C-alpha atoms as a PDB file:
ATOM      1  CA  MET A   1       4.706   1.630 -25.030  1.00  0.00           C
ATOM      2  CA  GLN A   2       5.214   4.238 -22.163  1.00  0.00           C
ATOM      3  CA  ASP A   3       4.512   7.623 -21.138  1.00  0.00           C
ATOM      4  CA  ILE A   4       5.963   9.959 -18.315  1.00  0.00           C
ATOM      5  CA  ASN A   5       3.554  12.882 -16.920  1.00  0.00           C
ATOM      6  CA  PRO A   6       4.317  14.931 -13.838  1.00  0.00           C
ATOM      7  CA  TYR A   7       1.274  13.769 -11.151  1.00  0.00           C
ATOM      8  CA  LEU A   8       0.497  17.027  -8.594  1.00  0.00           C
ATOM      9  CA  VAL A   9      -0.573  16.017  -5.876  1.00  0.00           C
ATOM     10  CA  LEU A  10      -2.694  19.070  -3.415  1.00  0.00           C
ATOM     11  CA  ASN A  11      -3.603  19.529  -0.226  1.00  0.00           C
ATOM     12  CA  GLY A  12      -7.516  19.659  -0.502  1.00  0.00           C
ATOM     13  CA  ASN A  13      -7.541  22.202  -3.511  1.00  0.00           C
ATOM     14  CA  GLY A  14      -7.329  20.177  -6.323  1.00  0.00           C
ATOM     15  CA  HIS A  15     -10.178  20.939  -8.507  1.00  0.00           C
ATOM     16  CA  GLU A  16      -9.217  24.972  -7.534  1.00  0.00           C
ATOM     17  CA  ALA A  17      -5.668  24.196  -9.407  1.00  0.00           C
ATOM     18  CA  VAL A  18      -7.941  22.130 -12.264  1.00  0.00           C
ATOM     19  CA  GLU A  19      -9.831  25.908 -13.033  1.00  0.00           C
ATOM     20  CA  SER A  20      -6.668  27.573 -12.547  1.00  0.00           C
ATOM     21  CA  TYR A  21      -4.484  25.558 -14.891  1.00  0.00           C
ATOM     22  CA  LYS A  22      -7.119  25.472 -17.422  1.00  0.00           C
ATOM     23  CA  HIS A  23      -6.903  29.315 -17.800  1.00  0.00           C
ATOM     24  CA  ALA A  24      -3.523  29.678 -17.255  1.00  0.00           C
ATOM     25  CA  LEU A  25      -1.939  27.282 -19.764  1.00  0.00           C
ATOM     26  CA  GLY A  26      -5.146  26.726 -21.620  1.00  0.00           C
ATOM     27  CA  ALA A  27      -5.527  23.255 -21.095  1.00  0.00           C
ATOM     28  CA  GLU A  28      -8.617  20.948 -21.882  1.00  0.00           C
ATOM     29  CA  VAL A  29      -9.695  18.708 -18.928  1.00  0.00           C
ATOM     30  CA  VAL A  30      -9.931  15.514 -20.372  1.00  0.00           C
ATOM     31  CA  SER A  31     -11.676  14.056 -17.131  1.00  0.00           C
ATOM     32  CA  VAL A  32     -12.059  14.537 -13.261  1.00  0.00           C
ATOM     33  CA  SER A  33     -12.722  12.457 -10.392  1.00  0.00           C
ATOM     34  CA  ASN A  34     -13.866  13.138  -6.330  1.00  0.00           C
ATOM     35  CA  PHE A  35     -12.729  10.134  -3.961  1.00  0.00           C
ATOM     36  CA  GLY A  36     -16.550   9.906  -3.195  1.00  0.00           C
ATOM     37  CA  ASP A  37     -16.738   8.171  -7.010  1.00  0.00           C
ATOM     38  CA  MET A  38     -14.860   5.277  -5.881  1.00  0.00           C
ATOM     39  CA  PRO A  39     -16.522   2.158  -4.987  1.00  0.00           C
ATOM     40  CA  GLU A  40     -16.691   1.737  -1.491  1.00  0.00           C
ATOM     41  CA  PRO A  41     -14.490  -0.800   0.050  1.00  0.00           C
ATOM     42  CA  GLU A  42     -15.605  -3.489   2.672  1.00  0.00           C
ATOM     43  CA  ASP A  43     -14.120  -2.623   5.177  1.00  0.00           C
ATOM     44  CA  PRO A  44     -15.393   0.815   7.190  1.00  0.00           C
ATOM     45  CA  ALA A  45     -12.405   1.847   8.759  1.00  0.00           C
ATOM     46  CA  HIS A  46     -10.882   2.483   4.635  1.00  0.00           C
ATOM     47  CA  ARG A  47     -13.966   4.315   3.300  1.00  0.00           C
ATOM     48  CA  VAL A  48     -13.485   8.042   2.494  1.00  0.00           C
ATOM     49  CA  PRO A  49     -14.735  10.405   5.390  1.00  0.00           C
ATOM     50  CA  GLU A  50     -18.128  11.908   4.330  1.00  0.00           C
ATOM     51  CA  ASP A  51     -16.058  15.636   4.710  1.00  0.00           C
ATOM     52  CA  ALA A  52     -13.140  14.194   2.001  1.00  0.00           C
ATOM     53  CA  LYS A  53     -16.084  12.818  -0.573  1.00  0.00           C
ATOM     54  CA  GLY A  54     -15.817  15.765  -2.851  1.00  0.00           C
ATOM     55  CA  ARG A  55     -12.148  16.089  -3.481  1.00  0.00           C
ATOM     56  CA  LEU A  56     -10.675  15.556  -6.065  1.00  0.00           C
ATOM     57  CA  LEU A  57      -9.376  12.066  -7.199  1.00  0.00           C
ATOM     58  CA  HIS A  58      -7.492  12.417 -10.124  1.00  0.00           C
ATOM     59  CA  ALA A  59      -7.842  14.950 -13.419  1.00  0.00           C
ATOM     60  CA  HIS A  60      -6.553  14.653 -16.716  1.00  0.00           C
ATOM     61  CA  LEU A  61      -5.789  17.931 -18.372  1.00  0.00           C
ATOM     62  CA  ARG A  62      -4.006  18.057 -21.893  1.00  0.00           C
ATOM     63  CA  VAL A  63      -1.446  20.558 -22.054  1.00  0.00           C
ATOM     64  CA  GLY A  64      -0.635  20.844 -25.602  1.00  0.00           C
ATOM     65  CA  ASN A  65       0.749  18.078 -26.368  1.00  0.00           C
ATOM     66  CA  SER A  66       1.619  17.044 -22.892  1.00  0.00           C
ATOM     67  CA  ASP A  67      -1.107  15.453 -20.059  1.00  0.00           C
ATOM     68  CA  LEU A  68      -0.675  16.898 -16.667  1.00  0.00           C
ATOM     69  CA  MET A  69      -2.425  15.087 -13.727  1.00  0.00           C
ATOM     70  CA  LEU A  70      -3.480  16.465 -10.174  1.00  0.00           C
ATOM     71  CA  SER A  71      -4.908  14.841  -7.582  1.00  0.00           C
ATOM     72  CA  ASP A  72      -5.609  16.113  -3.734  1.00  0.00           C
ATOM     73  CA  ASN A  73      -3.605  14.073  -0.883  1.00  0.00           C
ATOM     74  CA  PHE A  74      -5.941  11.193   0.538  1.00  0.00           C
ATOM     75  CA  PRO A  75      -7.775  11.716   3.441  1.00  0.00           C
ATOM     76  CA  GLY A  76      -5.953  11.993   7.084  1.00  0.00           C
ATOM     77  CA  MET A  77      -2.822  11.579   4.866  1.00  0.00           C
ATOM     78  CA  PRO A  78      -0.266  13.191   5.603  1.00  0.00           C
ATOM     79  CA  TYR A  79       1.020  16.649   3.606  1.00  0.00           C
ATOM     80  CA  GLN A  80       3.907  18.326   3.229  1.00  0.00           C
ATOM     81  CA  LEU A  81       5.699  20.742   0.908  1.00  0.00           C
ATOM     82  CA  GLY A  82       8.523  19.342  -1.802  1.00  0.00           C
ATOM     83  CA  SER A  83       6.580  16.148  -2.028  1.00  0.00           C
ATOM     84  CA  GLN A  84       3.648  17.140  -4.272  1.00  0.00           C
ATOM     85  CA  VAL A  85       5.301  16.389  -7.523  1.00  0.00           C
ATOM     86  CA  THR A  86       4.872  12.521  -8.296  1.00  0.00           C
ATOM     87  CA  ILE A  87       6.188  10.702 -11.854  1.00  0.00           C
ATOM     88  CA  VAL A  88       3.327   8.185 -13.985  1.00  0.00           C
ATOM     89  CA  ILE A  89       4.925   6.353 -16.122  1.00  0.00           C
ATOM     90  CA  SER A  90       2.335   4.303 -17.611  1.00  0.00           C
ATOM     91  CA  VAL A  91       2.638   0.872 -19.851  1.00  0.00           C
ATOM     92  CA  SER A  92       0.578  -1.248 -22.036  1.00  0.00           C
ATOM     93  CA  ASP A  93       1.005  -4.212 -20.313  1.00  0.00           C
ATOM     94  CA  ALA A  94       1.693  -6.668 -16.981  1.00  0.00           C
ATOM     95  CA  GLN A  95       4.979  -7.549 -17.307  1.00  0.00           C
ATOM     96  CA  THR A  96       6.775  -3.973 -18.337  1.00  0.00           C
ATOM     97  CA  ALA A  97       4.501  -2.900 -15.156  1.00  0.00           C
ATOM     98  CA  ARG A  98       6.943  -5.409 -13.232  1.00  0.00           C
ATOM     99  CA  GLU A  99       9.906  -4.476 -14.550  1.00  0.00           C
ATOM    100  CA  VAL A 100      10.227  -1.184 -14.242  1.00  0.00           C
ATOM    101  CA  PHE A 101       8.530  -1.219 -10.646  1.00  0.00           C
ATOM    102  CA  GLY A 102      11.297  -3.508  -9.744  1.00  0.00           C
ATOM    103  CA  ARG A 103      14.022  -1.821 -11.335  1.00  0.00           C
ATOM    104  CA  LEU A 104      12.650   1.187  -9.612  1.00  0.00           C
ATOM    105  CA  GLN A 105      11.969  -0.311  -5.960  1.00  0.00           C
ATOM    106  CA  GLU A 106      16.094  -1.330  -6.223  1.00  0.00           C
ATOM    107  CA  GLY A 107      17.743   0.513  -3.248  1.00  0.00           C
ATOM    108  CA  GLY A 108      14.090   2.554  -2.762  1.00  0.00           C
ATOM    109  CA  GLN A 109      11.152   1.542  -0.878  1.00  0.00           C
ATOM    110  CA  VAL A 110       7.658   0.371  -1.934  1.00  0.00           C
ATOM    111  CA  GLU A 111       4.625   2.631  -0.556  1.00  0.00           C
ATOM    112  CA  MET A 112       2.425   0.698  -2.927  1.00  0.00           C
ATOM    113  CA  PRO A 113       2.613  -2.912  -3.658  1.00  0.00           C
ATOM    114  CA  LEU A 114       1.284  -3.213  -7.627  1.00  0.00           C
ATOM    115  CA  GLN A 115      -2.030  -4.764  -7.017  1.00  0.00           C
ATOM    116  CA  GLU A 116      -5.844  -4.276  -9.134  1.00  0.00           C
ATOM    117  CA  THR A 117      -7.684  -1.169  -8.511  1.00  0.00           C
ATOM    118  CA  PHE A 118     -10.885  -0.104 -10.144  1.00  0.00           C
ATOM    119  CA  TRP A 119      -9.057   2.537 -12.567  1.00  0.00           C
ATOM    120  CA  SER A 120      -6.053  -0.098 -13.771  1.00  0.00           C
ATOM    121  CA  PRO A 121      -5.319  -3.733 -13.400  1.00  0.00           C
ATOM    122  CA  LEU A 122      -1.983  -3.757 -12.476  1.00  0.00           C
ATOM    123  CA  TYR A 123      -1.069   0.012 -10.218  1.00  0.00           C
ATOM    124  CA  GLY A 124       1.500   0.678  -7.898  1.00  0.00           C
ATOM    125  CA  MET A 125       3.574   3.259  -6.048  1.00  0.00           C
ATOM    126  CA  VAL A 126       7.800   3.387  -5.086  1.00  0.00           C
ATOM    127  CA  THR A 127      10.254   5.357  -3.395  1.00  0.00           C
ATOM    128  CA  ASP A 128      13.159   5.245  -5.973  1.00  0.00           C
ATOM    129  CA  LYS A 129      16.522   5.491  -4.302  1.00  0.00           C
ATOM    130  CA  PHE A 130      16.617   9.195  -5.445  1.00  0.00           C
ATOM    131  CA  GLY A 131      13.653   9.727  -3.553  1.00  0.00           C
ATOM    132  CA  VAL A 132      11.591  10.488  -6.488  1.00  0.00           C
ATOM    133  CA  LEU A 133       7.830   8.980  -5.805  1.00  0.00           C
ATOM    134  CA  TRP A 134       6.954   7.377  -9.291  1.00  0.00           C
ATOM    135  CA  GLN A 135       3.166   5.808  -9.850  1.00  0.00           C
ATOM    136  CA  VAL A 136       3.491   2.953 -12.155  1.00  0.00           C
ATOM    137  CA  SER A 137       0.011   2.038 -14.104  1.00  0.00           C
ATOM    138  CA  THR A 138      -0.852  -0.522 -16.415  1.00  0.00           C
ATOM    139  CA  ASN A 139      -3.062   1.463 -19.415  1.00  0.00           C
ATOM    140  CA  PRO A 140      -4.092  -0.811 -21.730  1.00  0.00           C
ATOM    141  CA  THR A 141      -6.407   0.967 -23.524  1.00  0.00           C
ATOM    142  CA  GLY A 142      -4.850   3.895 -23.411  1.00  0.00           C
ATOM    143  CA  GLN A 143      -6.839   5.852 -21.267  1.00  0.00           C
ATOM    144  CA  SER A 144      -5.470   8.076 -18.447  1.00  0.00           C
END
């Protein structure tokens, strides 16, 4: 099974957006995590700065039968209006993730190769040939 969800990327005001959408859309907040909740990487150059640990890493809101996901941009990464909406496609197995990712990268650009993360057995980001940023996530447990 494949699900497609909008993913909003904000510039440091992600927690405010969660509360705003909760109120405005009557959304149920399913989960919220911060950059400080991530496991510390071994390489000190890849650690999250102290002042960014309270930024929103991921929030999952349910609006009726739909899911809305949000995060703040990664600390130190540029933020540009117009690129704040990405699309997440969640698939149930690694083979489907590889196939979808491969088709989306045709004529596009890989932003993050498919790889294991602490939240997904296989996850990657690719900008397709139309300039749309996709997050491909293997989600065998049905969790978001």
